[in-house]
């Protein structure tokens, strides 16, 4: 019951409505893992998209260096999350 209570406190209300129907903590965990982790094919596709975005990355005309750097780091961090070694 404690684990379920922690799930209910930590999860957004929209998602909470979908997990209320789950019976066990393992069912909740598996659902969340599948929803947010995705399959390996999905991860590869997302990583491929991020690689392409990183390769064609260029500074926009009116963009500051800080904004460009932040955008570059954002892409690099998303690539790292998907398992890319930079």
N, C-alpha and C. Protein backbone atom coordinates (compact mmCIF):
# COMPACT_ATOMS: atom_id res chain seq x y z
N UNK A 1 0.82 -1.20 0.00
CA UNK A 1 0.00 0.00 0.00
C UNK A 1 0.86 1.27 0.00
N UNK A 2 2.02 1.21 0.70
CA UNK A 2 2.89 2.39 0.73
C UNK A 2 3.41 2.73 -0.65
N UNK A 3 3.81 1.68 -1.39
CA UNK A 3 4.34 1.93 -2.73
C UNK A 3 3.28 2.55 -3.63
N UNK A 4 2.06 2.03 -3.57
CA UNK A 4 0.97 2.60 -4.37
C UNK A 4 0.72 4.04 -3.97
N UNK A 5 0.77 4.33 -2.70
CA UNK A 5 0.57 5.68 -2.22
C UNK A 5 1.63 6.62 -2.78
N UNK A 6 2.89 6.16 -2.80
CA UNK A 6 3.96 6.98 -3.37
C UNK A 6 3.75 7.23 -4.86
N UNK A 7 3.32 6.19 -5.57
CA UNK A 7 3.00 6.37 -6.99
C UNK A 7 1.93 7.43 -7.16
N UNK A 8 0.88 7.34 -6.40
CA UNK A 8 -0.25 8.26 -6.54
C UNK A 8 0.14 9.70 -6.21
N UNK A 9 1.06 9.88 -5.27
CA UNK A 9 1.51 11.22 -4.92
C UNK A 9 2.44 11.82 -5.96
N UNK A 10 3.22 10.97 -6.63
CA UNK A 10 4.25 11.47 -7.52
C UNK A 10 3.80 11.63 -8.97
N UNK A 11 2.68 11.05 -9.31
CA UNK A 11 2.27 11.01 -10.71
C UNK A 11 1.22 12.08 -11.01
N UNK A 12 1.33 12.63 -12.21
CA UNK A 12 0.39 13.63 -12.70
C UNK A 12 -1.03 13.07 -12.72
N UNK A 13 -2.00 13.93 -12.55
CA UNK A 13 -3.40 13.52 -12.44
C UNK A 13 -3.90 12.78 -13.68
N UNK A 14 -3.48 13.21 -14.86
CA UNK A 14 -3.92 12.56 -16.10
C UNK A 14 -3.44 11.12 -16.16
N UNK A 15 -2.18 10.91 -15.78
CA UNK A 15 -1.61 9.56 -15.79
C UNK A 15 -2.21 8.75 -14.65
N UNK A 16 -2.47 9.40 -13.55
CA UNK A 16 -3.03 8.73 -12.38
C UNK A 16 -4.34 8.03 -12.73
N UNK A 17 -5.14 8.66 -13.55
CA UNK A 17 -6.42 8.07 -13.93
C UNK A 17 -6.23 6.77 -14.70
N UNK A 18 -5.14 6.65 -15.44
CA UNK A 18 -4.90 5.42 -16.20
C UNK A 18 -4.35 4.31 -15.34
N UNK A 19 -3.63 4.63 -14.26
CA UNK A 19 -3.05 3.57 -13.44
C UNK A 19 -3.94 3.15 -12.28
N UNK A 20 -5.02 3.87 -12.05
CA UNK A 20 -5.93 3.48 -10.97
C UNK A 20 -6.52 2.10 -11.20
N UNK A 21 -6.60 1.68 -12.45
CA UNK A 21 -7.18 0.39 -12.79
C UNK A 21 -6.20 -0.76 -12.58
N UNK A 22 -4.93 -0.46 -12.37
CA UNK A 22 -3.92 -1.50 -12.18
C UNK A 22 -4.02 -2.05 -10.76
N UNK A 23 -3.83 -3.37 -10.64
CA UNK A 23 -4.01 -4.03 -9.35
C UNK A 23 -2.76 -4.02 -8.47
N UNK A 24 -1.61 -4.27 -9.07
CA UNK A 24 -0.40 -4.40 -8.25
C UNK A 24 0.60 -3.31 -8.60
N UNK A 25 1.57 -3.16 -7.70
CA UNK A 25 2.64 -2.19 -7.93
C UNK A 25 3.44 -2.55 -9.17
N UNK A 26 3.64 -3.85 -9.40
CA UNK A 26 4.39 -4.29 -10.58
C UNK A 26 3.64 -3.91 -11.85
N UNK A 27 2.32 -4.06 -11.85
CA UNK A 27 1.52 -3.66 -13.02
C UNK A 27 1.68 -2.17 -13.29
N UNK A 28 1.65 -1.37 -12.24
CA UNK A 28 1.81 0.08 -12.37
C UNK A 28 3.20 0.39 -12.92
N UNK A 29 4.23 -0.23 -12.33
CA UNK A 29 5.59 0.02 -12.76
C UNK A 29 5.80 -0.38 -14.22
N UNK A 30 5.31 -1.56 -14.60
CA UNK A 30 5.46 -2.02 -15.98
C UNK A 30 4.75 -1.09 -16.96
N UNK A 31 3.58 -0.61 -16.59
CA UNK A 31 2.84 0.32 -17.44
C UNK A 31 3.63 1.61 -17.64
N UNK A 32 4.14 2.17 -16.55
CA UNK A 32 4.90 3.43 -16.63
C UNK A 32 6.21 3.23 -17.41
N UNK A 33 6.86 2.10 -17.19
CA UNK A 33 8.11 1.82 -17.89
C UNK A 33 7.86 1.72 -19.39
N UNK A 34 6.81 1.01 -19.76
CA UNK A 34 6.50 0.86 -21.18
C UNK A 34 6.09 2.20 -21.80
N UNK A 35 5.32 2.98 -21.08
CA UNK A 35 4.84 4.25 -21.60
C UNK A 35 5.97 5.25 -21.81
N UNK A 36 6.90 5.33 -20.87
CA UNK A 36 7.93 6.36 -20.94
C UNK A 36 9.27 5.88 -21.48
N UNK A 37 9.52 4.60 -21.45
CA UNK A 37 10.79 4.12 -21.96
C UNK A 37 10.68 3.78 -23.44
N UNK A 38 9.60 3.20 -23.85
CA UNK A 38 9.41 2.85 -25.24
C UNK A 38 10.16 1.59 -25.64
N UNK A 39 9.86 1.10 -26.80
CA UNK A 39 10.53 -0.09 -27.30
C UNK A 39 11.87 0.30 -27.91
N UNK A 40 12.68 -0.70 -28.17
CA UNK A 40 14.01 -0.42 -28.73
C UNK A 40 13.91 0.19 -30.12
N UNK A 41 12.90 -0.22 -30.90
CA UNK A 41 12.73 0.37 -32.24
C UNK A 41 12.38 1.85 -32.15
N UNK A 42 11.52 2.19 -31.22
CA UNK A 42 11.13 3.59 -31.03
C UNK A 42 12.34 4.40 -30.59
N UNK A 43 13.12 3.85 -29.66
CA UNK A 43 14.31 4.55 -29.18
C UNK A 43 15.32 4.78 -30.31
N UNK A 44 15.52 3.76 -31.15
CA UNK A 44 16.44 3.91 -32.27
C UNK A 44 15.96 4.98 -33.23
N UNK A 45 14.65 5.00 -33.50
CA UNK A 45 14.10 6.01 -34.41
C UNK A 45 14.26 7.41 -33.84
N UNK A 46 14.00 7.56 -32.54
CA UNK A 46 14.17 8.87 -31.91
C UNK A 46 15.63 9.30 -31.93
N UNK A 47 16.52 8.36 -31.69
CA UNK A 47 17.95 8.67 -31.70
C UNK A 47 18.40 9.06 -33.10
N UNK A 48 17.90 8.38 -34.10
CA UNK A 48 18.24 8.72 -35.48
C UNK A 48 17.77 10.13 -35.82
N UNK A 49 16.57 10.48 -35.38
CA UNK A 49 16.04 11.83 -35.60
C UNK A 49 16.90 12.87 -34.90
N UNK A 50 17.31 12.58 -33.68
CA UNK A 50 18.16 13.51 -32.93
C UNK A 50 19.53 13.66 -33.57
N UNK A 51 20.09 12.56 -34.09
CA UNK A 51 21.38 12.64 -34.77
C UNK A 51 21.29 13.57 -35.98
N UNK A 52 20.24 13.40 -36.76
CA UNK A 52 20.05 14.24 -37.95
C UNK A 52 19.90 15.71 -37.53
N UNK A 53 19.10 15.94 -36.49
CA UNK A 53 18.91 17.30 -35.99
C UNK A 53 20.24 17.90 -35.53
N UNK A 54 21.07 17.08 -34.88
CA UNK A 54 22.37 17.55 -34.41
C UNK A 54 23.30 17.85 -35.58
N UNK A 55 23.25 17.01 -36.61
CA UNK A 55 24.13 17.19 -37.76
C UNK A 55 23.80 18.45 -38.56
N UNK A 56 22.53 18.80 -38.66
CA UNK A 56 22.14 19.98 -39.45
C UNK A 56 22.02 21.24 -38.59
N UNK A 57 22.42 21.12 -37.35
CA UNK A 57 22.32 22.23 -36.41
C UNK A 57 23.20 23.40 -36.86
N UNK A 58 22.61 24.55 -36.90
CA UNK A 58 23.37 25.76 -37.20
C UNK A 58 22.74 26.94 -36.46
N UNK A 59 23.54 27.95 -36.27
CA UNK A 59 23.07 29.12 -35.53
C UNK A 59 22.17 29.98 -36.42
N UNK A 60 21.03 30.34 -35.89
CA UNK A 60 20.09 31.18 -36.63
C UNK A 60 20.59 32.62 -36.63
N UNK A 61 20.12 33.39 -37.59
CA UNK A 61 20.62 34.75 -37.79
C UNK A 61 20.50 35.63 -36.55
N UNK A 62 19.34 35.65 -35.94
CA UNK A 62 19.12 36.55 -34.79
C UNK A 62 19.27 35.83 -33.44
N UNK A 63 19.84 34.64 -33.44
CA UNK A 63 19.98 33.85 -32.23
C UNK A 63 21.26 34.24 -31.49
N UNK A 64 21.17 34.33 -30.18
CA UNK A 64 22.36 34.63 -29.38
C UNK A 64 23.20 33.36 -29.23
N UNK A 65 24.44 33.53 -28.85
CA UNK A 65 25.33 32.39 -28.64
C UNK A 65 24.79 31.53 -27.50
N UNK A 66 24.29 32.17 -26.45
CA UNK A 66 23.73 31.43 -25.31
C UNK A 66 22.54 30.57 -25.74
N UNK A 67 21.66 31.12 -26.56
CA UNK A 67 20.50 30.36 -27.04
C UNK A 67 20.93 29.18 -27.91
N UNK A 68 21.90 29.43 -28.79
CA UNK A 68 22.41 28.36 -29.65
C UNK A 68 23.05 27.25 -28.82
N UNK A 69 23.84 27.65 -27.85
CA UNK A 69 24.50 26.69 -26.97
C UNK A 69 23.47 25.88 -26.18
N UNK A 70 22.44 26.54 -25.68
CA UNK A 70 21.37 25.86 -24.93
C UNK A 70 20.65 24.85 -25.82
N UNK A 71 20.39 25.23 -27.07
CA UNK A 71 19.72 24.34 -28.01
C UNK A 71 20.61 23.13 -28.33
N UNK A 72 21.90 23.37 -28.50
CA UNK A 72 22.84 22.29 -28.76
C UNK A 72 22.91 21.33 -27.58
N UNK A 73 23.01 21.87 -26.37
CA UNK A 73 23.04 21.02 -25.18
C UNK A 73 21.76 20.22 -25.00
N UNK A 74 20.64 20.82 -25.33
CA UNK A 74 19.35 20.13 -25.22
C UNK A 74 19.33 18.90 -26.13
N UNK A 75 19.76 19.07 -27.36
CA UNK A 75 19.80 17.94 -28.29
C UNK A 75 20.78 16.88 -27.81
N UNK A 76 21.96 17.32 -27.37
CA UNK A 76 22.98 16.38 -26.89
C UNK A 76 22.48 15.60 -25.67
N UNK A 77 21.79 16.27 -24.77
CA UNK A 77 21.26 15.59 -23.58
C UNK A 77 20.19 14.57 -23.95
N UNK A 78 19.32 14.93 -24.90
CA UNK A 78 18.29 13.98 -25.34
C UNK A 78 18.95 12.77 -26.03
N UNK A 79 20.03 13.01 -26.77
CA UNK A 79 20.74 11.89 -27.40
C UNK A 79 21.37 10.99 -26.33
N UNK A 80 21.94 11.59 -25.30
CA UNK A 80 22.54 10.82 -24.23
C UNK A 80 21.50 9.99 -23.48
N UNK A 81 20.32 10.53 -23.29
CA UNK A 81 19.23 9.80 -22.63
C UNK A 81 18.87 8.55 -23.41
N UNK A 82 18.96 8.64 -24.74
CA UNK A 82 18.61 7.50 -25.60
C UNK A 82 19.80 6.56 -25.82
N UNK A 83 20.91 6.79 -25.13
CA UNK A 83 22.02 5.86 -25.16
C UNK A 83 23.17 6.23 -26.06
N UNK A 84 23.15 7.39 -26.65
CA UNK A 84 24.24 7.82 -27.54
C UNK A 84 25.44 8.28 -26.70
N UNK A 85 26.62 7.86 -27.08
CA UNK A 85 27.84 8.32 -26.42
C UNK A 85 28.42 9.45 -27.24
N UNK A 86 28.54 10.63 -26.65
CA UNK A 86 29.07 11.79 -27.36
C UNK A 86 30.48 12.08 -26.93
